[in-house]
Protein backbone atom coordinates (compact mmCIF):
# COMPACT_ATOMS: atom_id res chain seq x y z
CA MET A 1 82.82 72.84 99.96
CA THR A 2 86.32 71.97 99.44
CA GLN A 3 89.08 74.57 99.81
CA ALA A 4 89.12 78.33 98.72
CA THR A 5 89.06 78.82 94.96
CA ARG A 6 92.23 80.91 95.15
CA ALA A 7 93.89 78.19 96.48
CA MET A 8 92.91 75.51 94.18
CA THR A 9 94.57 74.54 91.10
CA LYS A 10 92.83 74.93 87.64
CA ASP A 11 92.34 71.49 87.12
CA ASP A 12 90.65 71.06 89.91
CA ALA A 13 88.23 73.45 89.78
CA PHE A 14 87.43 72.43 87.00
CA THR A 15 86.92 68.74 88.10
CA GLU A 16 84.72 70.31 90.55
CA LEU A 17 82.37 72.38 88.16
CA LYS A 18 82.30 69.00 86.40
CA GLN A 19 80.91 67.21 89.50
CA LEU A 20 78.26 69.93 89.80
CA GLU A 21 77.09 69.82 85.93
CA SER A 22 76.82 65.43 86.60
CA ASP A 23 74.70 66.63 89.35
CA GLY A 24 72.51 68.97 87.71
CA THR A 25 73.70 72.02 89.48
CA ILE A 26 74.91 74.31 86.96
CA LEU A 27 75.53 73.70 83.07
CA MET A 28 78.47 74.43 80.76
CA GLU A 29 77.92 75.46 77.33
CA GLY A 30 79.15 73.56 74.26
CA GLN A 31 82.33 70.95 73.90
CA ASP A 32 85.37 73.06 74.13
CA ASN A 33 85.43 73.80 77.86
CA THR A 34 88.93 73.64 79.58
CA PRO A 35 90.27 74.87 83.21
CA ASP A 36 91.38 77.88 81.52
CA HIS A 37 88.27 78.90 79.48
CA VAL A 38 85.23 77.85 81.32
CA SER A 39 81.52 79.15 79.09
CA LEU A 40 78.72 78.56 81.94
CA ASP A 41 75.34 78.14 80.41
CA GLY A 42 71.87 79.22 81.46
CA TRP A 43 70.38 76.34 83.78
CA ASP A 44 67.40 75.87 86.27
CA PRO A 45 69.06 73.40 88.60
CA SER A 46 65.25 72.99 90.44
CA GLY A 47 63.52 72.30 86.94
CA GLN A 48 66.29 71.01 85.40
CA THR A 49 65.83 72.69 82.16
CA LYS A 50 67.71 75.50 80.41
CA GLN A 51 67.08 79.25 81.42
CA ASP A 52 68.99 82.17 80.29
CA GLY A 53 71.59 83.39 82.47
CA ASN A 54 70.63 81.00 85.66
CA VAL A 55 73.67 79.86 87.38
CA ALA A 56 73.02 77.71 90.12
CA GLY A 57 69.56 78.93 90.86
CA VAL A 58 70.46 82.58 90.49
CA VAL A 59 69.87 84.83 87.34
CA VAL A 60 73.13 86.67 86.53
CA ARG A 61 72.47 90.30 84.59
CA TYR A 62 74.54 92.77 83.44
CA SER A 63 73.93 96.48 85.27
CA PRO A 64 75.75 98.91 82.87
CA THR A 65 75.11 101.85 85.68
CA GLY A 66 75.28 99.60 89.17
CA ARG A 67 72.31 101.75 90.29
CA LYS A 68 68.74 100.86 91.31
CA THR A 69 65.52 102.44 88.93
CA ALA A 70 64.30 105.65 90.38
CA ASP A 71 61.70 103.91 92.61
CA GLY A 72 64.19 101.75 94.35
CA THR A 73 62.19 98.57 93.23
CA ALA A 74 64.33 97.35 90.71
CA VAL A 75 67.98 97.57 89.17
CA ASN A 76 69.15 98.93 85.89
CA ALA A 77 70.22 95.41 84.62
CA VAL A 78 70.06 94.06 80.86
CA GLY A 79 68.54 90.20 79.96
CA GLY A 80 70.29 86.96 81.94
CA SER A 81 73.41 86.01 80.33
CA ALA A 82 75.69 83.56 81.88
CA PRO A 83 79.40 84.31 82.22
CA ASP A 84 81.67 83.42 79.21
CA ARG A 85 85.62 82.65 79.03
CA LEU A 86 86.29 82.33 83.23
CA ASP A 87 89.00 80.48 84.54
CA ALA A 88 88.05 77.46 86.19
CA ARG A 89 88.58 79.15 89.65
CA ASN A 90 86.64 82.53 88.90
CA ALA A 91 83.64 80.10 87.59
CA LEU A 92 83.64 77.87 90.47
CA ALA A 93 83.61 80.59 92.70
CA LEU A 94 80.91 82.25 90.71
CA VAL A 95 78.71 79.21 91.40
CA ARG A 96 79.61 79.14 94.66
CA LEU A 97 78.41 82.93 95.69
CA CYS A 98 75.21 82.17 93.68
CA GLN A 99 74.65 79.07 96.00
CA TRP A 100 75.45 81.29 99.18
CA LEU A 101 73.11 84.12 98.09
CA ALA A 102 70.11 81.77 97.24
CA GLU A 103 70.75 79.54 100.60
CA ASN A 104 70.93 82.78 102.62
CA TYR A 105 69.13 85.50 101.24
CA GLY A 106 66.83 83.86 99.36
CA ALA A 107 68.61 85.70 96.17
CA THR A 108 67.02 84.98 92.75
CA GLU A 109 69.27 87.69 90.65
CA LEU A 110 72.74 88.78 90.79
CA TYR A 111 73.77 91.91 89.03
CA HIS A 112 77.42 92.86 87.98
CA LEU A 113 79.32 94.98 85.70
CA GLY A 114 81.71 92.70 84.52
CA ILE A 115 82.55 88.68 84.55
CA SER A 116 83.20 87.11 81.38
CA GLY A 117 86.38 87.33 80.05
CA GLY A 118 88.18 88.79 76.83
CA GLY A 119 87.45 92.11 75.40
CA VAL A 120 89.94 94.84 74.54
CA ASP A 121 91.35 97.68 76.55
CA GLN A 122 90.91 101.59 75.56
CA ASN A 123 93.33 101.07 73.45
CA GLY A 124 92.05 98.26 71.35
CA ASN A 125 94.39 95.71 72.54
CA PRO A 126 93.22 92.19 73.87
CA ARG A 127 92.99 92.74 77.84
CA VAL A 128 95.38 90.54 79.27
CA ASP A 129 94.62 91.62 83.05
CA CYS A 130 92.53 89.86 85.43
CA HIS A 131 89.21 90.77 83.93
CA GLY A 132 90.85 89.70 80.58
CA GLN A 133 91.90 86.32 81.84
CA GLY A 134 88.38 85.68 83.08
CA ARG A 135 89.66 85.81 86.53
CA ALA A 136 87.57 88.84 88.36
CA VAL A 137 84.17 89.52 89.05
CA ASP A 138 82.25 93.39 89.50
CA PHE A 139 79.63 92.92 91.64
CA VAL A 140 76.73 95.30 91.89
CA GLY A 141 74.09 93.59 94.05
CA ALA A 142 71.18 91.23 94.07
CA LEU A 143 67.52 90.71 94.19
CA VAL A 144 67.21 89.19 97.79
CA ALA A 145 64.18 88.51 100.06
CA ALA A 146 63.84 91.25 102.77
CA GLU A 147 62.43 90.70 106.33
CA ASP A 148 58.86 90.34 105.48
CA GLY A 149 59.55 87.65 102.33
CA THR A 150 59.16 90.28 99.73
CA MET A 151 61.82 90.78 97.06
CA SER A 152 64.03 93.53 96.95
CA PRO A 153 66.90 94.63 95.24
CA THR A 154 70.22 95.37 97.13
CA THR A 155 73.17 97.14 95.60
CA VAL A 156 76.62 98.44 96.49
CA TRP A 157 76.12 101.98 95.40
CA ASP A 158 72.38 102.50 96.62
CA ASP A 159 73.19 100.81 99.96
CA TRP A 160 76.51 101.16 100.74
CA GLY A 161 78.68 103.39 98.29
CA SER A 162 76.41 106.69 98.27
CA VAL A 163 75.25 106.69 101.92
CA ALA A 164 76.02 109.07 103.92
CA THR A 165 76.86 108.85 107.53
CA ALA A 166 78.94 110.63 109.99
CA VAL A 167 82.67 109.52 108.79
CA THR A 168 80.89 109.86 105.16
CA PRO A 169 79.23 113.19 105.09
CA GLY A 170 77.02 113.79 101.53
CA GLY A 171 77.91 110.14 100.65
CA ASP A 172 81.59 110.15 99.92
CA TRP A 173 84.83 110.22 102.08
CA PRO A 174 86.39 113.52 102.59
CA PRO A 175 89.41 115.01 100.72
CA GLY A 176 92.25 114.47 102.13
CA THR A 177 90.88 111.16 103.98
CA GLY A 178 93.91 109.21 102.87
CA SER A 179 93.76 105.36 104.40
CA ALA A 180 91.93 106.61 107.39
CA VAL A 181 88.77 104.58 106.22
CA SER A 182 86.43 102.07 107.84
CA PHE A 183 83.18 100.40 107.21
CA ARG A 184 80.77 103.48 106.95
CA LEU A 185 77.88 101.09 107.62
CA ASP A 186 78.68 100.12 111.43
CA ASP A 187 77.26 103.77 111.70
CA PRO A 188 74.38 103.35 114.54
CA ALA A 189 72.26 105.01 112.03
CA ALA A 190 72.78 102.63 109.22
CA ASP A 191 70.32 99.84 108.37
CA GLU A 192 71.18 97.31 110.75
CA TRP A 193 70.07 94.47 107.84
CA THR A 194 72.34 95.96 105.19
CA ARG A 195 75.15 96.38 107.18
CA ASN A 196 75.18 92.47 108.01
CA PHE A 197 74.40 91.73 104.65
CA PHE A 198 77.69 93.23 103.12
CA ARG A 199 79.69 92.54 106.34
CA ALA A 200 78.63 88.48 105.55
CA LEU A 201 79.07 89.39 101.80
CA TYR A 202 82.89 90.51 102.24
CA GLU A 203 83.61 87.56 104.65
CA PHE A 204 82.27 85.00 101.64
CA ALA A 205 84.12 86.96 99.33
CA ALA A 206 87.62 87.12 101.17
CA GLY A 207 87.49 83.53 101.91
CA GLU A 208 86.95 82.47 97.94
CA TRP A 209 88.67 85.16 95.97
CA GLN A 210 92.42 86.95 96.78
CA ASP A 211 92.21 89.04 99.97
CA THR A 212 95.62 90.30 101.80
CA THR A 213 97.54 88.08 99.48
CA SER A 214 97.90 87.41 95.43
CA THR A 215 99.03 84.07 96.42
CA PRO A 216 97.23 80.63 95.91
CA ASP A 217 97.38 80.05 99.90
CA GLU A 218 94.69 79.51 101.97
CA ALA A 219 94.32 82.52 104.00
CA THR A 220 94.25 82.16 107.90
CA THR A 221 93.03 85.46 109.53
CA PRO A 222 90.47 87.62 106.70
CA SER A 223 90.68 91.33 106.36
CA ALA A 224 87.84 93.64 107.85
CA ILE A 225 85.99 96.15 105.29
CA GLY A 226 88.39 99.20 105.68
CA GLU A 227 91.67 97.27 105.65
CA SER A 228 93.94 96.51 102.89
CA SER A 229 92.60 93.96 100.68
CA PHE A 230 92.36 92.98 97.27
CA ILE A 231 88.75 93.07 97.24
CA MET A 232 87.81 96.70 96.41
CA HIS A 233 84.51 98.31 97.27
CA PRO A 234 83.71 101.87 98.44
CA ASP A 235 85.60 101.79 101.60
CA HIS A 236 88.71 100.47 100.52
CA PRO A 237 92.02 102.04 102.29
CA SER A 238 93.71 102.86 99.32
CA ASP A 239 92.81 105.83 96.61
CA ALA A 240 95.66 107.09 95.80
CA THR A 241 95.49 107.17 92.13
CA PRO A 242 91.56 107.52 90.84
CA PRO A 243 90.38 105.42 89.22
CA HIS A 244 91.82 102.30 90.66
CA GLY A 245 91.11 103.32 94.44
CA ARG A 246 87.92 103.00 96.30
CA SER A 247 86.83 106.44 94.16
CA ALA A 248 86.43 103.96 91.30
CA HIS A 249 84.32 101.05 93.30
CA ARG A 250 81.39 102.99 94.56
CA GLU A 251 79.17 101.18 92.82
CA HIS A 252 80.50 97.90 92.79
CA MET A 253 82.84 95.46 94.92
CA HIS A 254 85.98 93.86 92.61
CA LEU A 255 86.37 90.57 93.50
CA GLN A 256 89.94 88.38 91.72
CA ILE A 257 91.54 85.58 91.78
CA GLY A 258 95.42 85.69 91.02
CA VAL A 259 96.81 88.62 90.44
CA THR A 260 95.63 92.10 89.39
CA GLY A 261 98.15 92.29 86.07
CA THR A 262 98.90 89.14 83.42
CA ALA A 263 98.92 85.66 85.17
């Protein structure tokens, strides 16, 4: 890897994507990709063949609920579709995330609530915020290898955002908590593997997407879960105006490149 994707220019990120395509790691769809608009195509890098939704070895699937099935063995997700209309920096960060999940956790699937750019707002107008401009990822979870080697889903909602602890009785922060939050899975009774997974995932995200500032600069000291950050999640200190704070991110982590609004 080179520098953090948030600190790269679109052109530099696009150049790295083109190299990854040349190396057989990813595939871009069609011939109209530019640094402003990258559409990934499904490609299995191990078999060197097309596969719906496969991005650097991990199949990307949309989860409309962000929840596991009732028996907890799978995630309510549809198909497999590689994201489209992405800012090249976000596309590269996503590729790096898929590689990191596969290399460190044996992941074969990634679940999300939104990655592709475009779309319209609630008034039917073209969406021009970080999501509409293809600069954001709403990460729900992943299908990863458990300690015994079996594949098991881990999701933000089921394994973090709804977990009841001493500080989140009933699975949520009590009214009046304000910004006095912490990483709930630090509770001694919480599952250690899950705690370590989400802490490592957060650290990876803080190294690629925006963390404590919206500038493209390299961050020297990443934030920790519970501190102020552009990474939104169930234990974020901000919750002043739902649905924009932690209450709106109990089932996913929001990751973005650049500013929240129009860039």
